[in-house]
């Protein structure tokens, strides 16, 4: 069976990542952290299975995630955390909208805002 027929298992829990809206890999792609030509080389993961990323999503439609350990946002610089929350939440909202936008995969990534560059 072809890989695309098997689904995409989460490298953390082993369950299928059933759609782009729950994909940590596609969130990183939307954020510009994974280039299109390398997308197929990275393992898939549920957003909630990667708390180091998910903790920065701040939206009423996404229950908060706690990241225990040295990457817990509570232990990091407040300005950095604020910028990451804005950036990652913006990416997550885009990810949630993708199924209704009629975009091709190369059109998924957000453009970088001036605030994200500083």
N, C-alpha and C. Protein backbone atom coordinates (compact mmCIF):
# COMPACT_ATOMS: atom_id res chain seq x y z
N UNK A 1 0.84 -1.18 0.00
CA UNK A 1 0.00 0.00 0.00
C UNK A 1 0.89 1.24 0.00
N UNK A 2 0.50 2.23 -0.76
CA UNK A 2 1.26 3.47 -0.82
C UNK A 2 1.14 4.22 0.50
N UNK A 3 2.19 4.96 0.86
CA UNK A 3 2.21 5.71 2.11
C UNK A 3 0.99 6.63 2.22
N UNK A 4 0.59 7.26 1.12
CA UNK A 4 -0.54 8.18 1.18
C UNK A 4 -1.84 7.44 1.48
N UNK A 5 -1.90 6.15 1.24
CA UNK A 5 -3.08 5.35 1.55
C UNK A 5 -3.08 4.85 2.99
N UNK A 6 -1.95 4.95 3.67
CA UNK A 6 -1.82 4.44 5.02
C UNK A 6 -2.12 5.48 6.09
N UNK A 7 -2.28 6.73 5.75
CA UNK A 7 -2.42 7.78 6.74
C UNK A 7 -1.04 8.21 7.21
N UNK A 8 -1.03 9.13 8.11
CA UNK A 8 0.23 9.66 8.60
C UNK A 8 0.26 9.51 10.11
N UNK A 9 1.02 8.55 10.62
CA UNK A 9 1.04 8.32 12.06
C UNK A 9 1.84 9.39 12.81
N UNK A 10 1.35 9.74 13.98
CA UNK A 10 2.04 10.68 14.86
C UNK A 10 3.27 9.99 15.42
N UNK A 11 4.41 10.67 15.33
CA UNK A 11 5.65 10.07 15.82
C UNK A 11 5.67 9.96 17.34
N UNK A 12 4.76 10.64 18.04
CA UNK A 12 4.73 10.59 19.50
C UNK A 12 3.77 9.52 20.01
N UNK A 13 2.49 9.60 19.59
CA UNK A 13 1.49 8.68 20.13
C UNK A 13 1.19 7.50 19.22
N UNK A 14 1.57 7.60 17.94
CA UNK A 14 1.32 6.52 16.99
C UNK A 14 -0.04 6.57 16.32
N UNK A 15 -0.94 7.43 16.81
CA UNK A 15 -2.25 7.56 16.18
C UNK A 15 -2.17 8.33 14.88
N UNK A 16 -3.19 8.16 14.04
CA UNK A 16 -3.20 8.88 12.76
C UNK A 16 -3.44 10.36 12.96
N UNK A 17 -2.67 11.18 12.26
CA UNK A 17 -2.93 12.61 12.18
C UNK A 17 -3.88 12.73 11.00
N UNK A 18 -5.15 12.90 11.32
CA UNK A 18 -6.19 12.75 10.31
C UNK A 18 -6.39 13.95 9.40
N UNK A 19 -5.94 15.10 9.82
CA UNK A 19 -6.15 16.26 8.97
C UNK A 19 -5.14 17.35 9.24
N UNK A 20 -5.04 18.25 8.29
CA UNK A 20 -4.07 19.34 8.37
C UNK A 20 -4.32 20.20 9.61
N UNK A 21 -5.56 20.32 10.05
CA UNK A 21 -5.87 21.20 11.17
C UNK A 21 -5.33 20.71 12.50
N UNK A 22 -4.93 19.45 12.58
CA UNK A 22 -4.36 18.94 13.83
C UNK A 22 -2.88 18.60 13.68
N UNK A 23 -2.26 19.04 12.61
CA UNK A 23 -0.88 18.68 12.29
C UNK A 23 0.14 19.72 12.77
N UNK A 24 1.04 19.29 13.62
CA UNK A 24 2.13 20.15 14.07
C UNK A 24 3.10 20.41 12.92
N UNK A 25 3.31 19.44 12.08
CA UNK A 25 4.18 19.61 10.91
C UNK A 25 3.63 20.71 10.00
N UNK A 26 2.34 20.66 9.70
CA UNK A 26 1.77 21.67 8.82
C UNK A 26 1.69 23.04 9.49
N UNK A 27 1.57 23.08 10.81
CA UNK A 27 1.65 24.37 11.49
C UNK A 27 3.04 24.96 11.27
N UNK A 28 4.08 24.16 11.43
CA UNK A 28 5.44 24.66 11.21
C UNK A 28 5.64 25.07 9.75
N UNK A 29 4.99 24.38 8.81
CA UNK A 29 5.05 24.76 7.41
C UNK A 29 4.36 26.11 7.19
N UNK A 30 3.18 26.27 7.77
CA UNK A 30 2.44 27.54 7.66
C UNK A 30 3.27 28.69 8.23
N UNK A 31 4.01 28.40 9.30
CA UNK A 31 4.84 29.43 9.95
C UNK A 31 6.15 29.68 9.21
N UNK A 32 6.42 28.91 8.17
CA UNK A 32 7.64 29.10 7.40
C UNK A 32 8.86 28.41 7.97
N UNK A 33 8.66 27.51 8.92
CA UNK A 33 9.77 26.81 9.56
C UNK A 33 10.22 25.56 8.81
N UNK A 34 9.35 25.05 7.95
CA UNK A 34 9.66 23.87 7.13
C UNK A 34 9.43 24.25 5.67
N UNK A 35 10.45 24.17 4.82
CA UNK A 35 10.26 24.51 3.41
C UNK A 35 9.44 23.44 2.68
N UNK A 36 8.71 23.85 1.68
CA UNK A 36 7.86 22.96 0.90
C UNK A 36 8.62 21.73 0.42
N UNK A 37 9.81 21.93 -0.12
CA UNK A 37 10.56 20.81 -0.69
C UNK A 37 11.08 19.83 0.37
N UNK A 38 10.97 20.16 1.64
CA UNK A 38 11.41 19.27 2.73
C UNK A 38 10.23 18.72 3.53
N UNK A 39 9.03 19.15 3.21
CA UNK A 39 7.84 18.76 3.97
C UNK A 39 7.71 17.24 4.08
N UNK A 40 7.93 16.55 2.99
CA UNK A 40 7.77 15.10 2.98
C UNK A 40 8.86 14.36 3.76
N UNK A 41 9.91 15.05 4.16
CA UNK A 41 11.02 14.43 4.87
C UNK A 41 10.86 14.46 6.39
N UNK A 42 9.90 15.25 6.87
CA UNK A 42 9.71 15.42 8.31
C UNK A 42 8.61 14.49 8.83
N UNK A 43 8.76 14.00 10.05
CA UNK A 43 7.72 13.15 10.63
C UNK A 43 6.49 13.97 11.01
N UNK A 44 5.35 13.31 11.03
CA UNK A 44 4.09 13.94 11.36
C UNK A 44 3.87 13.86 12.87
N UNK A 45 3.07 14.77 13.40
CA UNK A 45 2.80 14.80 14.83
C UNK A 45 1.52 15.59 15.08
N UNK A 46 0.70 15.13 16.04
CA UNK A 46 -0.45 15.92 16.48
C UNK A 46 0.05 17.17 17.19
N UNK A 47 -0.67 18.26 17.05
CA UNK A 47 -0.31 19.49 17.76
C UNK A 47 -0.21 19.25 19.26
N UNK A 48 -1.19 18.57 19.82
CA UNK A 48 -1.23 18.37 21.27
C UNK A 48 -0.13 17.41 21.74
N UNK A 49 0.43 16.64 20.85
CA UNK A 49 1.52 15.73 21.22
C UNK A 49 2.87 16.44 21.24
N UNK A 50 2.91 17.70 20.84
CA UNK A 50 4.15 18.48 20.85
C UNK A 50 3.90 19.73 21.70
N UNK A 51 3.88 19.57 23.05
CA UNK A 51 3.56 20.69 23.92
C UNK A 51 4.52 21.87 23.81
N UNK A 52 5.76 21.64 23.38
CA UNK A 52 6.70 22.75 23.24
C UNK A 52 6.23 23.75 22.19
N UNK A 53 5.44 23.31 21.23
CA UNK A 53 4.84 24.20 20.24
C UNK A 53 3.43 24.59 20.64
N UNK A 54 2.62 23.62 21.03
CA UNK A 54 1.20 23.84 21.31
C UNK A 54 0.95 24.82 22.45
N UNK A 55 1.88 24.93 23.40
CA UNK A 55 1.68 25.84 24.52
C UNK A 55 1.55 27.30 24.08
N UNK A 56 2.02 27.61 22.88
CA UNK A 56 1.97 28.99 22.39
C UNK A 56 0.67 29.32 21.65
N UNK A 57 -0.21 28.34 21.49
CA UNK A 57 -1.50 28.61 20.85
C UNK A 57 -2.44 29.12 21.93
N UNK A 58 -2.87 30.37 21.76
CA UNK A 58 -3.75 31.01 22.74
C UNK A 58 -5.03 31.40 22.01
N UNK A 59 -6.01 30.52 22.12
CA UNK A 59 -7.29 30.73 21.43
C UNK A 59 -8.36 29.97 22.21
N UNK A 60 -9.53 30.55 22.32
CA UNK A 60 -10.63 29.91 23.06
C UNK A 60 -11.00 28.55 22.47
N UNK A 61 -10.70 28.33 21.20
CA UNK A 61 -11.02 27.06 20.54
C UNK A 61 -9.92 26.02 20.65
N UNK A 62 -8.86 26.32 21.39
CA UNK A 62 -7.76 25.38 21.58
C UNK A 62 -7.45 25.34 23.08
N UNK A 63 -7.86 24.26 23.75
CA UNK A 63 -7.58 24.17 25.19
C UNK A 63 -6.09 24.29 25.47
N UNK A 64 -5.72 25.06 26.50
CA UNK A 64 -4.30 25.29 26.80
C UNK A 64 -3.52 23.98 27.01
N UNK A 65 -2.28 24.02 26.59
CA UNK A 65 -1.37 22.89 26.75
C UNK A 65 -0.23 23.35 27.65
N UNK A 66 0.16 22.50 28.58
CA UNK A 66 1.28 22.80 29.47
C UNK A 66 2.48 22.01 29.00
N UNK A 67 3.61 22.67 28.95
CA UNK A 67 4.87 22.03 28.56
C UNK A 67 5.76 21.96 29.78
N UNK A 68 5.86 20.80 30.38
CA UNK A 68 6.73 20.63 31.54
C UNK A 68 8.19 20.61 31.11
N UNK A 69 9.04 21.11 31.98
CA UNK A 69 10.47 21.04 31.70
C UNK A 69 11.07 22.36 31.29
N UNK A 70 12.26 22.30 30.72
CA UNK A 70 13.01 23.54 30.43
C UNK A 70 12.40 24.41 29.33
N UNK A 71 11.46 23.88 28.53
CA UNK A 71 10.84 24.68 27.47
C UNK A 71 9.48 25.24 27.87
N UNK A 72 9.10 25.08 29.13
CA UNK A 72 7.84 25.64 29.66
C UNK A 72 7.87 27.15 29.48
N UNK A 73 6.87 27.69 28.81
CA UNK A 73 6.88 29.13 28.53
C UNK A 73 6.84 29.97 29.80
N UNK A 74 6.40 29.38 30.90
CA UNK A 74 6.38 30.12 32.17
C UNK A 74 7.79 30.45 32.67
N UNK A 75 8.78 29.72 32.17
CA UNK A 75 10.17 29.94 32.61
C UNK A 75 10.96 30.79 31.62
N UNK A 76 10.34 31.20 30.54
CA UNK A 76 11.04 31.93 29.48
C UNK A 76 10.77 33.43 29.55
N UNK A 77 11.55 34.19 28.83
CA UNK A 77 11.42 35.64 28.77
C UNK A 77 10.01 36.04 28.32
N UNK A 78 9.37 36.94 29.07
CA UNK A 78 7.98 37.33 28.81
C UNK A 78 7.79 37.94 27.42
N UNK A 79 8.75 38.74 26.96
CA UNK A 79 8.63 39.33 25.62
C UNK A 79 8.69 38.26 24.54
N UNK A 80 9.61 37.31 24.71
CA UNK A 80 9.71 36.20 23.76
C UNK A 80 8.40 35.41 23.73
N UNK A 81 7.86 35.11 24.90
CA UNK A 81 6.62 34.33 25.00
C UNK A 81 5.48 35.08 24.31
N UNK A 82 5.38 36.36 24.54
CA UNK A 82 4.32 37.15 23.92
C UNK A 82 4.42 37.12 22.39
N UNK A 83 5.63 37.27 21.87
CA UNK A 83 5.83 37.22 20.41
C UNK A 83 5.51 35.83 19.86
N UNK A 84 5.94 34.78 20.56
CA UNK A 84 5.67 33.42 20.11
C UNK A 84 4.18 33.11 20.15
N UNK A 85 3.50 33.55 21.20
CA UNK A 85 2.05 33.34 21.28
C UNK A 85 1.34 34.00 20.11
N UNK A 86 1.73 35.22 19.79
CA UNK A 86 1.10 35.92 18.66
C UNK A 86 1.40 35.21 17.34
N UNK A 87 2.65 34.83 17.15
CA UNK A 87 3.07 34.18 15.89
C UNK A 87 2.43 32.80 15.72
N UNK A 88 2.52 31.97 16.74
CA UNK A 88 2.03 30.59 16.63
C UNK A 88 0.50 30.57 16.60
N UNK A 89 -0.14 31.43 17.37
CA UNK A 89 -1.61 31.50 17.33
C UNK A 89 -2.08 31.95 15.95
N UNK A 90 -1.41 32.92 15.38
CA UNK A 90 -1.75 33.38 14.01
C UNK A 90 -1.61 32.22 13.02
N UNK A 91 -0.53 31.45 13.14
CA UNK A 91 -0.34 30.29 12.28
C UNK A 91 -1.40 29.23 12.50
N UNK A 92 -1.77 28.98 13.76
CA UNK A 92 -2.79 27.98 14.06
C UNK A 92 -4.14 28.39 13.47
N UNK A 93 -4.46 29.66 13.58
CA UNK A 93 -5.74 30.14 13.01
C UNK A 93 -5.75 29.96 11.50
N UNK A 94 -4.63 30.20 10.86
CA UNK A 94 -4.52 29.97 9.42
C UNK A 94 -4.71 28.48 9.12
N UNK A 95 -4.06 27.64 9.93
CA UNK A 95 -4.16 26.19 9.76
C UNK A 95 -5.62 25.74 9.85
N UNK A 96 -6.37 26.31 10.79
CA UNK A 96 -7.77 25.94 10.95
C UNK A 96 -8.62 26.38 9.75
N UNK A 97 -8.22 27.46 9.10
CA UNK A 97 -8.97 27.99 7.96
C UNK A 97 -8.64 27.30 6.65
N UNK A 98 -7.50 26.66 6.56
CA UNK A 98 -7.03 26.08 5.30
C UNK A 98 -8.08 25.22 4.58
N UNK A 99 -8.81 24.34 5.28
CA UNK A 99 -9.78 23.51 4.55
C UNK A 99 -10.87 24.31 3.83
N UNK A 100 -11.09 25.56 4.22
CA UNK A 100 -12.15 26.35 3.59
C UNK A 100 -11.62 27.40 2.62
N UNK A 101 -10.30 27.52 2.51
CA UNK A 101 -9.72 28.60 1.70
C UNK A 101 -9.49 28.24 0.24
N UNK A 102 -9.49 26.95 -0.09
CA UNK A 102 -9.25 26.55 -1.47
C UNK A 102 -7.84 26.82 -1.95
N UNK A 103 -6.88 26.70 -1.06
CA UNK A 103 -5.48 26.97 -1.41
C UNK A 103 -4.76 25.71 -1.84
N UNK A 104 -3.75 25.88 -2.67
CA UNK A 104 -2.84 24.77 -2.95
C UNK A 104 -1.79 24.76 -1.83
N UNK A 105 -1.11 23.65 -1.65
CA UNK A 105 -0.14 23.53 -0.55
C UNK A 105 0.91 24.65 -0.58
N UNK A 106 1.46 25.03 -1.72
CA UNK A 106 2.45 26.12 -1.70
C UNK A 106 1.90 27.46 -1.18
N UNK A 107 0.58 27.60 -1.17
CA UNK A 107 -0.04 28.85 -0.70
C UNK A 107 -0.36 28.84 0.80
N UNK A 108 -0.11 27.74 1.49
CA UNK A 108 -0.43 27.65 2.92
C UNK A 108 0.34 28.63 3.80
N UNK A 109 1.66 28.80 3.61
CA UNK A 109 2.43 29.63 4.54
C UNK A 109 1.94 31.08 4.62
N UNK A 110 2.05 31.61 5.83
CA UNK A 110 1.75 33.01 6.09
C UNK A 110 2.92 33.87 5.64
N UNK A 111 2.65 35.11 5.33
CA UNK A 111 3.76 36.03 5.11
C UNK A 111 4.21 36.51 6.50
N UNK A 112 5.45 36.85 6.61
CA UNK A 112 6.02 37.28 7.89
C UNK A 112 5.67 38.75 8.10
N UNK A 113 5.21 39.06 9.33
CA UNK A 113 4.90 40.45 9.66
C UNK A 113 6.14 41.14 10.18
N UNK A 114 6.21 42.48 10.10
CA UNK A 114 7.39 43.19 10.62
C UNK A 114 7.66 42.90 12.10
N UNK A 115 6.59 42.71 12.89
CA UNK A 115 6.75 42.43 14.31
C UNK A 115 7.48 41.10 14.53
N UNK A 116 7.24 40.14 13.64
CA UNK A 116 7.87 38.83 13.78
C UNK A 116 9.35 38.88 13.43
N UNK A 117 9.76 39.87 12.68
CA UNK A 117 11.16 39.99 12.31
C UNK A 117 12.01 40.60 13.44
N UNK A 118 11.36 41.32 14.34
CA UNK A 118 12.12 41.97 15.41
C UNK A 118 12.29 41.10 16.63
